[in-house]
Amino acid sequence: MTRSDLVEELAARFAQLTHRDAELAVKTVLDAMSDALVKGHRIEIRGFGSFSINRRPPRVGRNPRSGESVQIPEKRVPHFKPGKALREAVDAGTVASAKVTAPKVL
């Protein structure tokens, strides 16, 4: 599923949302998640999974063409760990049990 597929699904599922509103909602959520990860925060979505930052230490690599040793600097990379409900749903091959329930709007 791509970002545009997600926007289309959101607009189709909620008739009161225009395509532009659905696009803005997806952009806002993804931007907020990106900003939190850049700041080093952990994101946890119950029933879906959690996003965190892993540190890859510096190491010595090898250039495949020349065989020369190359210093590879330390990196911080995003990491996703699926939640129990998502893991079980993927294992069972069902979609219904993987859905995260949305809060009711008053």
Protein backbone atom coordinates (compact mmCIF):
# COMPACT_ATOMS: atom_id res chain seq x y z
CA MET A 1 0.00 0.00 0.00
CA THR A 2 1.34 3.40 -0.95
CA ARG A 3 0.65 6.78 0.62
CA SER A 4 -1.85 7.64 -2.13
CA ASP A 5 -3.60 4.27 -1.61
CA LEU A 6 -3.94 5.14 2.07
CA VAL A 7 -5.45 8.54 1.19
CA GLU A 8 -7.90 6.89 -1.21
CA GLU A 9 -8.92 4.29 1.40
CA LEU A 10 -9.45 6.96 4.05
CA ALA A 11 -11.54 9.14 1.71
CA ALA A 12 -13.62 6.15 0.61
CA ARG A 13 -14.19 4.87 4.14
CA PHE A 14 -15.27 8.24 5.57
CA ALA A 15 -17.72 9.96 3.21
CA GLN A 16 -17.57 13.24 5.17
CA LEU A 17 -13.87 13.62 4.30
CA THR A 18 -12.92 15.15 0.99
CA HIS A 19 -9.89 13.81 -0.84
CA ARG A 20 -7.95 16.93 0.18
CA ASP A 21 -8.90 16.47 3.87
CA ALA A 22 -7.86 12.81 3.79
CA GLU A 23 -4.56 13.76 2.18
CA LEU A 24 -3.96 16.43 4.83
CA ALA A 25 -4.78 13.95 7.63
CA VAL A 26 -2.34 11.33 6.31
CA LYS A 27 0.38 13.96 5.77
CA THR A 28 -0.13 15.37 9.27
CA VAL A 29 0.08 11.96 10.96
CA LEU A 30 3.16 10.87 9.00
CA ASP A 31 4.91 14.21 9.59
CA ALA A 32 4.21 14.00 13.33
CA MET A 33 5.61 10.46 13.42
CA SER A 34 8.70 11.51 11.46
CA ASP A 35 9.31 14.51 13.74
CA ALA A 36 9.02 12.32 16.86
CA LEU A 37 11.53 9.80 15.49
CA VAL A 38 13.97 12.56 14.49
CA LYS A 39 13.81 13.84 18.08
CA GLY A 40 14.61 10.32 19.33
CA HIS A 41 11.15 9.56 20.75
CA ARG A 42 9.47 6.17 20.61
CA ILE A 43 6.06 5.79 18.94
CA GLU A 44 3.68 3.10 20.15
CA ILE A 45 0.38 2.33 18.44
CA ARG A 46 -1.51 -0.28 20.47
CA GLY A 47 -2.48 -3.33 18.45
CA PHE A 48 -0.28 -2.28 15.53
CA GLY A 49 3.30 -1.91 16.72
CA SER A 50 6.02 0.47 17.81
CA PHE A 51 8.61 2.57 16.06
CA SER A 52 11.94 3.36 17.68
CA ILE A 53 15.46 4.41 16.77
CA ASN A 54 18.29 1.88 16.72
CA ARG A 55 21.96 2.87 16.80
CA ARG A 56 24.36 1.18 14.40
CA PRO A 57 27.90 1.54 15.73
CA PRO A 58 30.78 2.67 13.49
CA ARG A 59 32.58 -0.15 11.72
CA VAL A 60 35.13 -0.93 9.06
CA GLY A 61 33.65 -1.99 5.71
CA ARG A 62 35.17 -3.01 2.41
CA ASN A 63 34.85 -1.43 -1.02
CA PRO A 64 33.70 -4.34 -3.24
CA ARG A 65 35.49 -3.00 -6.35
CA SER A 66 38.92 -2.31 -4.91
CA GLY A 67 38.89 -4.35 -1.71
CA GLU A 68 40.02 -1.24 0.14
CA SER A 69 38.93 -0.82 3.79
CA VAL A 70 36.45 2.00 4.38
CA GLN A 71 35.36 3.59 7.67
CA ILE A 72 31.56 3.52 8.00
CA PRO A 73 30.29 6.11 10.53
CA GLU A 74 27.72 5.55 13.24
CA LYS A 75 24.08 5.68 12.09
CA ARG A 76 20.70 6.05 13.72
CA VAL A 77 18.05 4.06 11.86
CA PRO A 78 14.28 3.69 12.39
CA HIS A 79 13.09 0.29 13.59
CA PHE A 80 9.54 -1.13 13.57
CA LYS A 81 8.41 -3.87 15.91
CA PRO A 82 4.94 -5.23 15.13
CA GLY A 83 2.45 -5.64 17.96
CA LYS A 84 1.02 -8.98 19.03
CA ALA A 85 -2.33 -8.46 17.27
CA LEU A 86 -0.63 -7.57 13.98
CA ARG A 87 1.80 -10.51 14.19
CA GLU A 88 -1.03 -12.94 14.88
CA ALA A 89 -3.22 -11.51 12.11
CA VAL A 90 -0.41 -11.72 9.54
CA ASP A 91 0.38 -15.26 10.64
CA ALA A 92 -3.28 -16.29 10.36
CA GLY A 93 -3.69 -14.44 7.05
CA THR A 94 -6.77 -12.53 8.16
CA VAL A 95 -7.48 -8.84 7.74
CA ALA A 96 -10.40 -8.43 10.16
CA SER A 97 -8.43 -9.16 13.32
CA ALA A 98 -5.61 -6.80 12.31
CA LYS A 99 -7.78 -3.69 12.25
CA VAL A 100 -7.06 -1.16 14.96
CA THR A 101 -10.25 0.34 16.30
CA ALA A 102 -10.51 4.09 15.89
CA PRO A 103 -11.75 6.20 18.80
CA LYS A 104 -15.35 7.36 18.55
CA VAL A 105 -15.86 11.00 17.66
CA LEU A 106 -18.45 12.77 19.80
